[in-house]
Amino acid sequence: MSDTPPAPRWHVAIITSDGRRLRWHKQGRAHTLPAELGPVWVANFKPALFQVMPDGALVARGADAHAADIAQVALERAET
């Protein structure tokens, strides 16, 4: 056993244009990013290319009538 604590991770919060806040889901579960990747991912995310489904899954813009426009994305520290 190691005494090294697990590396911190981020949840991605997706804020829709109508004000809902969803956690990014990938393959049916909340997806997390490594601490060093989170800020880079948020800085380079292009909301104009994607929409979000009610369950938090990202889809290509126009791919599903139930998808919502994304206003912004933000990071939330994931519990370890």
PDB file of N, CA and C in Angstrom:
ATOM      1  N   MET A   1       0.825  -1.188   0.000  1.00  0.00           N
ATOM      2  CA  MET A   1       0.000   0.000   0.000  1.00  0.00           C
ATOM      3  C   MET A   1       0.864   1.243   0.000  1.00  0.00           C
ATOM      4  N   SER A   2       0.398   2.246  -0.696  1.00  0.00           N
ATOM      5  CA  SER A   2       1.126   3.498  -0.799  1.00  0.00           C
ATOM      6  C   SER A   2       0.461   4.560   0.064  1.00  0.00           C
ATOM      7  N   ASP A   3       1.291   5.428   0.664  1.00  0.00           N
ATOM      8  CA  ASP A   3       0.767   6.543   1.454  1.00  0.00           C
ATOM      9  C   ASP A   3       0.546   7.778   0.603  1.00  0.00           C
ATOM     10  N   THR A   4       0.817   7.666  -0.684  1.00  0.00           N
ATOM     11  CA  THR A   4       0.649   8.795  -1.589  1.00  0.00           C
ATOM     12  C   THR A   4      -0.843   9.013  -1.851  1.00  0.00           C
ATOM     13  N   PRO A   5      -1.334  10.230  -1.591  1.00  0.00           N
ATOM     14  CA  PRO A   5      -2.757  10.477  -1.861  1.00  0.00           C
ATOM     15  C   PRO A   5      -3.024  10.457  -3.361  1.00  0.00           C
ATOM     16  N   PRO A   6      -4.250  10.112  -3.749  1.00  0.00           N
ATOM     17  CA  PRO A   6      -4.561  10.117  -5.184  1.00  0.00           C
ATOM     18  C   PRO A   6      -4.435  11.530  -5.755  1.00  0.00           C
ATOM     19  N   ALA A   7      -4.038  11.598  -6.994  1.00  0.00           N
ATOM     20  CA  ALA A   7      -3.903  12.899  -7.658  1.00  0.00           C
ATOM     21  C   ALA A   7      -5.279  13.547  -7.767  1.00  0.00           C
ATOM     22  N   PRO A   8      -5.363  14.865  -7.555  1.00  0.00           N
ATOM     23  CA  PRO A   8      -6.664  15.540  -7.662  1.00  0.00           C
ATOM     24  C   PRO A   8      -7.206  15.485  -9.088  1.00  0.00           C
ATOM     25  N   ARG A   9      -8.525  15.496  -9.186  1.00  0.00           N
ATOM     26  CA  ARG A   9      -9.187  15.451 -10.491  1.00  0.00           C
ATOM     27  C   ARG A   9     -10.297  16.496 -10.510  1.00  0.00           C
ATOM     28  N   TRP A  10     -10.762  16.803 -11.704  1.00  0.00           N
ATOM     29  CA  TRP A  10     -11.834  17.773 -11.913  1.00  0.00           C
ATOM     30  C   TRP A  10     -13.061  17.124 -12.543  1.00  0.00           C
ATOM     31  N   HIS A  11     -14.247  17.567 -12.114  1.00  0.00           N
ATOM     32  CA  HIS A  11     -15.481  17.328 -12.858  1.00  0.00           C
ATOM     33  C   HIS A  11     -15.648  18.537 -13.768  1.00  0.00           C
ATOM     34  N   VAL A  12     -16.239  18.339 -14.929  1.00  0.00           N
ATOM     35  CA  VAL A  12     -16.553  19.451 -15.820  1.00  0.00           C
ATOM     36  C   VAL A  12     -18.032  19.782 -15.650  1.00  0.00           C
ATOM     37  N   ALA A  13     -18.313  21.013 -15.235  1.00  0.00           N
ATOM     38  CA  ALA A  13     -19.689  21.495 -15.135  1.00  0.00           C
ATOM     39  C   ALA A  13     -20.036  22.167 -16.452  1.00  0.00           C
ATOM     40  N   ILE A  14     -21.167  21.788 -17.017  1.00  0.00           N
ATOM     41  CA  ILE A  14     -21.643  22.363 -18.274  1.00  0.00           C
ATOM     42  C   ILE A  14     -22.836  23.234 -17.946  1.00  0.00           C
ATOM     43  N   ILE A  15     -22.738  24.515 -18.250  1.00  0.00           N
ATOM     44  CA  ILE A  15     -23.827  25.449 -18.004  1.00  0.00           C
ATOM     45  C   ILE A  15     -24.519  25.698 -19.337  1.00  0.00           C
ATOM     46  N   THR A  16     -25.818  25.379 -19.377  1.00  0.00           N
ATOM     47  CA  THR A  16     -26.575  25.516 -20.615  1.00  0.00           C
ATOM     48  C   THR A  16     -27.039  26.956 -20.803  1.00  0.00           C
ATOM     49  N   SER A  17     -27.464  27.270 -21.998  1.00  0.00           N
ATOM     50  CA  SER A  17     -27.925  28.628 -22.291  1.00  0.00           C
ATOM     51  C   SER A  17     -29.183  28.983 -21.511  1.00  0.00           C
ATOM     52  N   ASP A  18     -29.933  27.969 -21.032  1.00  0.00           N
ATOM     53  CA  ASP A  18     -31.118  28.256 -20.213  1.00  0.00           C
ATOM     54  C   ASP A  18     -30.824  28.189 -18.716  1.00  0.00           C
ATOM     55  N   GLY A  19     -29.536  28.096 -18.337  1.00  0.00           N
ATOM     56  CA  GLY A  19     -29.124  28.196 -16.944  1.00  0.00           C
ATOM     57  C   GLY A  19     -28.959  26.903 -16.180  1.00  0.00           C
ATOM     58  N   ARG A  20     -29.242  25.771 -16.788  1.00  0.00           N
ATOM     59  CA  ARG A  20     -29.028  24.496 -16.091  1.00  0.00           C
ATOM     60  C   ARG A  20     -27.540  24.222 -15.950  1.00  0.00           C
ATOM     61  N   ARG A  21     -27.192  23.533 -14.878  1.00  0.00           N
ATOM     62  CA  ARG A  21     -25.801  23.155 -14.622  1.00  0.00           C
ATOM     63  C   ARG A  21     -25.752  21.626 -14.567  1.00  0.00           C
ATOM     64  N   LEU A  22     -25.041  21.017 -15.506  1.00  0.00           N
ATOM     65  CA  LEU A  22     -24.944  19.565 -15.608  1.00  0.00           C
ATOM     66  C   LEU A  22     -23.489  19.141 -15.498  1.00  0.00           C
ATOM     67  N   ARG A  23     -23.258  17.968 -14.953  1.00  0.00           N
ATOM     68  CA  ARG A  23     -21.910  17.409 -14.989  1.00  0.00           C
ATOM     69  C   ARG A  23     -21.738  16.630 -16.280  1.00  0.00           C
ATOM     70  N   TRP A  24     -20.559  16.769 -16.881  1.00  0.00           N
ATOM     71  CA  TRP A  24     -20.247  16.049 -18.105  1.00  0.00           C
ATOM     72  C   TRP A  24     -20.265  14.553 -17.830  1.00  0.00           C
ATOM     73  N   HIS A  25     -21.036  13.824 -18.622  1.00  0.00           N
ATOM     74  CA  HIS A  25     -21.098  12.375 -18.554  1.00  0.00           C
ATOM     75  C   HIS A  25     -20.545  11.792 -19.848  1.00  0.00           C
ATOM     76  N   LYS A  26     -19.776  10.751 -19.696  1.00  0.00           N
ATOM     77  CA  LYS A  26     -19.183  10.066 -20.833  1.00  0.00           C
ATOM     78  C   LYS A  26     -19.327   8.568 -20.581  1.00  0.00           C
ATOM     79  N   GLN A  27     -19.856   7.856 -21.540  1.00  0.00           N
ATOM     80  CA  GLN A  27     -20.080   6.414 -21.428  1.00  0.00           C
ATOM     81  C   GLN A  27     -20.924   6.077 -20.198  1.00  0.00           C
ATOM     82  N   GLY A  28     -21.944   6.915 -19.937  1.00  0.00           N
ATOM     83  CA  GLY A  28     -22.913   6.632 -18.894  1.00  0.00           C
ATOM     84  C   GLY A  28     -22.537   7.002 -17.472  1.00  0.00           C
ATOM     85  N   ARG A  29     -21.402   7.669 -17.274  1.00  0.00           N
ATOM     86  CA  ARG A  29     -21.028   8.067 -15.908  1.00  0.00           C
ATOM     87  C   ARG A  29     -20.299   9.403 -15.916  1.00  0.00           C
ATOM     88  N   ALA A  30     -20.291  10.049 -14.755  1.00  0.00           N
ATOM     89  CA  ALA A  30     -19.615  11.341 -14.644  1.00  0.00           C
ATOM     90  C   ALA A  30     -18.147  11.164 -15.010  1.00  0.00           C
ATOM     91  N   HIS A  31     -17.682  12.026 -15.895  1.00  0.00           N
ATOM     92  CA  HIS A  31     -16.297  11.941 -16.373  1.00  0.00           C
ATOM     93  C   HIS A  31     -15.452  12.949 -15.605  1.00  0.00           C
ATOM     94  N   THR A  32     -14.230  12.578 -15.266  1.00  0.00           N
ATOM     95  CA  THR A  32     -13.316  13.503 -14.597  1.00  0.00           C
ATOM     96  C   THR A  32     -12.061  13.674 -15.437  1.00  0.00           C
ATOM     97  N   LEU A  33     -11.391  14.792 -15.185  1.00  0.00           N
ATOM     98  CA  LEU A  33     -10.134  15.095 -15.868  1.00  0.00           C
ATOM     99  C   LEU A  33      -9.019  15.219 -14.836  1.00  0.00           C
ATOM    100  N   PRO A  34      -7.791  14.855 -15.199  1.00  0.00           N
ATOM    101  CA  PRO A  34      -6.658  15.051 -14.298  1.00  0.00           C
ATOM    102  C   PRO A  34      -6.475  16.540 -13.993  1.00  0.00           C
ATOM    103  N   ALA A  35      -5.920  16.836 -12.827  1.00  0.00           N
ATOM    104  CA  ALA A  35      -5.755  18.223 -12.378  1.00  0.00           C
ATOM    105  C   ALA A  35      -5.045  19.090 -13.411  1.00  0.00           C
ATOM    106  N   GLU A  36      -4.009  18.562 -14.049  1.00  0.00           N
ATOM    107  CA  GLU A  36      -3.233  19.366 -14.997  1.00  0.00           C
ATOM    108  C   GLU A  36      -3.960  19.567 -16.321  1.00  0.00           C
ATOM    109  N   LEU A  37      -4.892  18.694 -16.665  1.00  0.00           N
ATOM    110  CA  LEU A  37      -5.594  18.791 -17.937  1.00  0.00           C
ATOM    111  C   LEU A  37      -6.842  19.675 -17.870  1.00  0.00           C
ATOM    112  N   GLY A  38      -7.485  19.748 -16.705  1.00  0.00           N
ATOM    113  CA  GLY A  38      -8.734  20.491 -16.568  1.00  0.00           C
ATOM    114  C   GLY A  38      -8.695  21.911 -17.101  1.00  0.00           C
ATOM    115  N   PRO A  39      -7.761  22.761 -16.631  1.00  0.00           N
ATOM    116  CA  PRO A  39      -7.725  24.143 -17.114  1.00  0.00           C
ATOM    117  C   PRO A  39      -7.471  24.255 -18.622  1.00  0.00           C
ATOM    118  N   VAL A  40      -6.663  23.359 -19.168  1.00  0.00           N
ATOM    119  CA  VAL A  40      -6.379  23.374 -20.606  1.00  0.00           C
ATOM    120  C   VAL A  40      -7.644  22.990 -21.380  1.00  0.00           C
ATOM    121  N   TRP A  41      -8.359  21.973 -20.899  1.00  0.00           N
ATOM    122  CA  TRP A  41      -9.581  21.519 -21.555  1.00  0.00           C
ATOM    123  C   TRP A  41     -10.617  22.640 -21.584  1.00  0.00           C
ATOM    124  N   VAL A  42     -10.829  23.299 -20.453  1.00  0.00           N
ATOM    125  CA  VAL A  42     -11.809  24.391 -20.381  1.00  0.00           C
ATOM    126  C   VAL A  42     -11.396  25.547 -21.291  1.00  0.00           C
ATOM    127  N   ALA A  43     -10.130  25.908 -21.284  1.00  0.00           N
ATOM    128  CA  ALA A  43      -9.656  27.033 -22.096  1.00  0.00           C
ATOM    129  C   ALA A  43      -9.819  26.779 -23.588  1.00  0.00           C
ATOM    130  N   ASN A  44      -9.773  25.515 -23.988  1.00  0.00           N
ATOM    131  CA  ASN A  44      -9.835  25.184 -25.417  1.00  0.00           C
ATOM    132  C   ASN A  44     -11.182  24.643 -25.875  1.00  0.00           C
ATOM    133  N   PHE A  45     -12.142  24.525 -24.961  1.00  0.00           N
ATOM    134  CA  PHE A  45     -13.457  23.992 -25.318  1.00  0.00           C
ATOM    135  C   PHE A  45     -14.187  24.978 -26.221  1.00  0.00           C
ATOM    136  N   LYS A  46     -14.816  24.477 -27.263  1.00  0.00           N
ATOM    137  CA  LYS A  46     -15.538  25.302 -28.244  1.00  0.00           C
ATOM    138  C   LYS A  46     -17.040  25.018 -28.136  1.00  0.00           C
ATOM    139  N   PRO A  47     -17.794  25.809 -27.348  1.00  0.00           N
ATOM    140  CA  PRO A  47     -19.230  25.567 -27.183  1.00  0.00           C
ATOM    141  C   PRO A  47     -20.005  25.588 -28.502  1.00  0.00           C
ATOM    142  N   ALA A  48     -19.532  26.312 -29.488  1.00  0.00           N
ATOM    143  CA  ALA A  48     -20.244  26.394 -30.769  1.00  0.00           C
ATOM    144  C   ALA A  48     -20.260  25.059 -31.516  1.00  0.00           C
ATOM    145  N   LEU A  49     -19.369  24.129 -31.157  1.00  0.00           N
ATOM    146  CA  LEU A  49     -19.289  22.844 -31.846  1.00  0.00           C
ATOM    147  C   LEU A  49     -20.139  21.758 -31.202  1.00  0.00           C
ATOM    148  N   PHE A  50     -20.548  21.965 -29.949  1.00  0.00           N
ATOM    149  CA  PHE A  50     -21.221  20.918 -29.190  1.00  0.00           C
ATOM    150  C   PHE A  50     -22.519  21.399 -28.571  1.00  0.00           C
ATOM    151  N   GLN A  51     -23.350  20.429 -28.204  1.00  0.00           N
ATOM    152  CA  GLN A  51     -24.523  20.649 -27.366  1.00  0.00           C
ATOM    153  C   GLN A  51     -24.473  19.582 -26.284  1.00  0.00           C
ATOM    154  N   VAL A  52     -25.335  19.720 -25.284  1.00  0.00           N
ATOM    155  CA  VAL A  52     -25.343  18.762 -24.182  1.00  0.00           C
ATOM    156  C   VAL A  52     -26.731  18.138 -24.055  1.00  0.00           C
ATOM    157  N   MET A  53     -26.729  16.846 -23.809  1.00  0.00           N
ATOM    158  CA  MET A  53     -27.967  16.103 -23.602  1.00  0.00           C
ATOM    159  C   MET A  53     -28.427  16.286 -22.147  1.00  0.00           C
ATOM    160  N   PRO A  54     -29.691  15.997 -21.842  1.00  0.00           N
ATOM    161  CA  PRO A  54     -30.178  16.141 -20.466  1.00  0.00           C
ATOM    162  C   PRO A  54     -29.388  15.333 -19.437  1.00  0.00           C
ATOM    163  N   ASP A  55     -28.730  14.243 -19.854  1.00  0.00           N
ATOM    164  CA  ASP A  55     -27.938  13.435 -18.920  1.00  0.00           C
ATOM    165  C   ASP A  55     -26.491  13.910 -18.792  1.00  0.00           C
ATOM    166  N   GLY A  56     -26.105  14.977 -19.494  1.00  0.00           N
ATOM    167  CA  GLY A  56     -24.752  15.513 -19.406  1.00  0.00           C
ATOM    168  C   GLY A  56     -23.803  15.038 -20.494  1.00  0.00           C
ATOM    169  N   ALA A  57     -24.266  14.211 -21.401  1.00  0.00           N
ATOM    170  CA  ALA A  57     -23.409  13.736 -22.495  1.00  0.00           C
ATOM    171  C   ALA A  57     -23.274  14.822 -23.564  1.00  0.00           C
ATOM    172  N   LEU A  58     -22.076  14.999 -24.079  1.00  0.00           N
ATOM    173  CA  LEU A  58     -21.833  15.956 -25.154  1.00  0.00           C
ATOM    174  C   LEU A  58     -22.143  15.306 -26.499  1.00  0.00           C
ATOM    175  N   VAL A  59     -22.763  16.069 -27.394  1.00  0.00           N
ATOM    176  CA  VAL A  59     -23.038  15.610 -28.751  1.00  0.00           C
ATOM    177  C   VAL A  59     -22.674  16.732 -29.716  1.00  0.00           C
ATOM    178  N   ALA A  60     -22.457  16.372 -30.961  1.00  0.00           N
ATOM    179  CA  ALA A  60     -22.187  17.379 -31.986  1.00  0.00           C
ATOM    180  C   ALA A  60     -23.418  18.268 -32.146  1.00  0.00           C
ATOM    181  N   ARG A  61     -23.191  19.538 -32.404  1.00  0.00           N
ATOM    182  CA  ARG A  61     -24.299  20.487 -32.601  1.00  0.00           C
ATOM    183  C   ARG A  61     -25.237  19.963 -33.678  1.00  0.00           C
ATOM    184  N   GLY A  62     -26.539  19.957 -33.355  1.00  0.00           N
ATOM    185  CA  GLY A  62     -27.555  19.534 -34.299  1.00  0.00           C
ATOM    186  C   GLY A  62     -27.780  18.030 -34.366  1.00  0.00           C
ATOM    187  N   ALA A  63     -27.055  17.254 -33.573  1.00  0.00           N
ATOM    188  CA  ALA A  63     -27.159  15.796 -33.645  1.00  0.00           C
ATOM    189  C   ALA A  63     -28.423  15.245 -32.987  1.00  0.00           C
ATOM    190  N   ASP A  64     -29.008  15.985 -32.056  1.00  0.00           N
ATOM    191  CA  ASP A  64     -30.178  15.478 -31.333  1.00  0.00           C
ATOM    192  C   ASP A  64     -31.084  16.640 -30.963  1.00  0.00           C
ATOM    193  N   ALA A  65     -32.382  16.499 -31.219  1.00  0.00           N
ATOM    194  CA  ALA A  65     -33.351  17.561 -30.935  1.00  0.00           C
ATOM    195  C   ALA A  65     -33.490  17.841 -29.441  1.00  0.00           C
ATOM    196  N   HIS A  66     -33.095  16.902 -28.578  1.00  0.00           N
ATOM    197  CA  HIS A  66     -33.205  17.090 -27.128  1.00  0.00           C
ATOM    198  C   HIS A  66     -31.978  17.781 -26.525  1.00  0.00           C
ATOM    199  N   ALA A  67     -30.960  18.010 -27.322  1.00  0.00           N
ATOM    200  CA  ALA A  67     -29.728  18.620 -26.828  1.00  0.00           C
ATOM    201  C   ALA A  67     -29.905  20.120 -26.644  1.00  0.00           C
ATOM    202  N   ALA A  68     -29.199  20.658 -25.651  1.00  0.00           N
ATOM    203  CA  ALA A  68     -29.270  22.089 -25.326  1.00  0.00           C
ATOM    204  C   ALA A  68     -27.958  22.778 -25.695  1.00  0.00           C
ATOM    205  N   ASP A  69     -28.052  24.062 -25.995  1.00  0.00           N
ATOM    206  CA  ASP A  69     -26.854  24.860 -26.262  1.00  0.00           C
ATOM    207  C   ASP A  69     -26.053  25.042 -24.982  1.00  0.00           C
ATOM    208  N   ILE A  70     -24.753  25.132 -25.135  1.00  0.00           N
ATOM    209  CA  ILE A  70     -23.837  25.300 -24.007  1.00  0.00           C
ATOM    210  C   ILE A  70     -23.407  26.755 -23.931  1.00  0.00           C
ATOM    211  N   ALA A  71     -23.610  27.374 -22.774  1.00  0.00           N
ATOM    212  CA  ALA A  71     -23.185  28.755 -22.564  1.00  0.00           C
ATOM    213  C   ALA A  71     -21.717  28.796 -22.139  1.00  0.00           C
ATOM    214  N   GLN A  72     -21.334  27.880 -21.247  1.00  0.00           N
ATOM    215  CA  GLN A  72     -19.946  27.826 -20.772  1.00  0.00           C
ATOM    216  C   GLN A  72     -19.686  26.522 -20.070  1.00  0.00           C
ATOM    217  N   VAL A  73     -18.408  26.243 -19.840  1.00  0.00           N
ATOM    218  CA  VAL A  73     -18.000  25.099 -19.051  1.00  0.00           C
ATOM    219  C   VAL A  73     -17.113  25.608 -17.914  1.00  0.00           C
ATOM    220  N   ALA A  74     -17.115  24.879 -16.805  1.00  0.00           N
ATOM    221  CA  ALA A  74     -16.329  25.260 -15.639  1.00  0.00           C
ATOM    222  C   ALA A  74     -15.831  23.993 -14.955  1.00  0.00           C
ATOM    223  N   LEU A  75     -14.872  24.146 -14.066  1.00  0.00           N
ATOM    224  CA  LEU A  75     -14.319  23.012 -13.333  1.00  0.00           C
ATOM    225  C   LEU A  75     -14.849  22.985 -11.904  1.00  0.00           C
ATOM    226  N   GLU A  76     -15.076  21.785 -11.403  1.00  0.00           N
ATOM    227  CA  GLU A  76     -15.438  21.549 -10.008  1.00  0.00           C
ATOM    228  C   GLU A  76     -14.521  20.457  -9.491  1.00  0.00           C
ATOM    229  N   ARG A  77     -13.934  20.660  -8.343  1.00  0.00           N
ATOM    230  CA  ARG A  77     -13.018  19.651  -7.806  1.00  0.00           C
ATOM    231  C   ARG A  77     -13.794  18.360  -7.534  1.00  0.00           C
ATOM    232  N   ALA A  78     -13.260  17.257  -8.020  1.00  0.00           N
ATOM    233  CA  ALA A  78     -13.887  15.944  -7.813  1.00  0.00           C
ATOM    234  C   ALA A  78     -13.493  15.415  -6.439  1.00  0.00           C
ATOM    235  N   GLU A  79     -14.426  14.766  -5.787  1.00  0.00           N
ATOM    236  CA  GLU A  79     -14.128  14.110  -4.502  1.00  0.00           C
ATOM    237  C   GLU A  79     -13.241  12.908  -4.784  1.00  0.00           C
ATOM    238  N   THR A  80     -12.303  12.663  -3.925  1.00  0.00           N
ATOM    239  CA  THR A  80     -11.408  11.521  -4.123  1.00  0.00           C
ATOM    240  C   THR A  80     -11.849  10.346  -3.301  1.00  0.00           C
TER     241      THR A  80
END
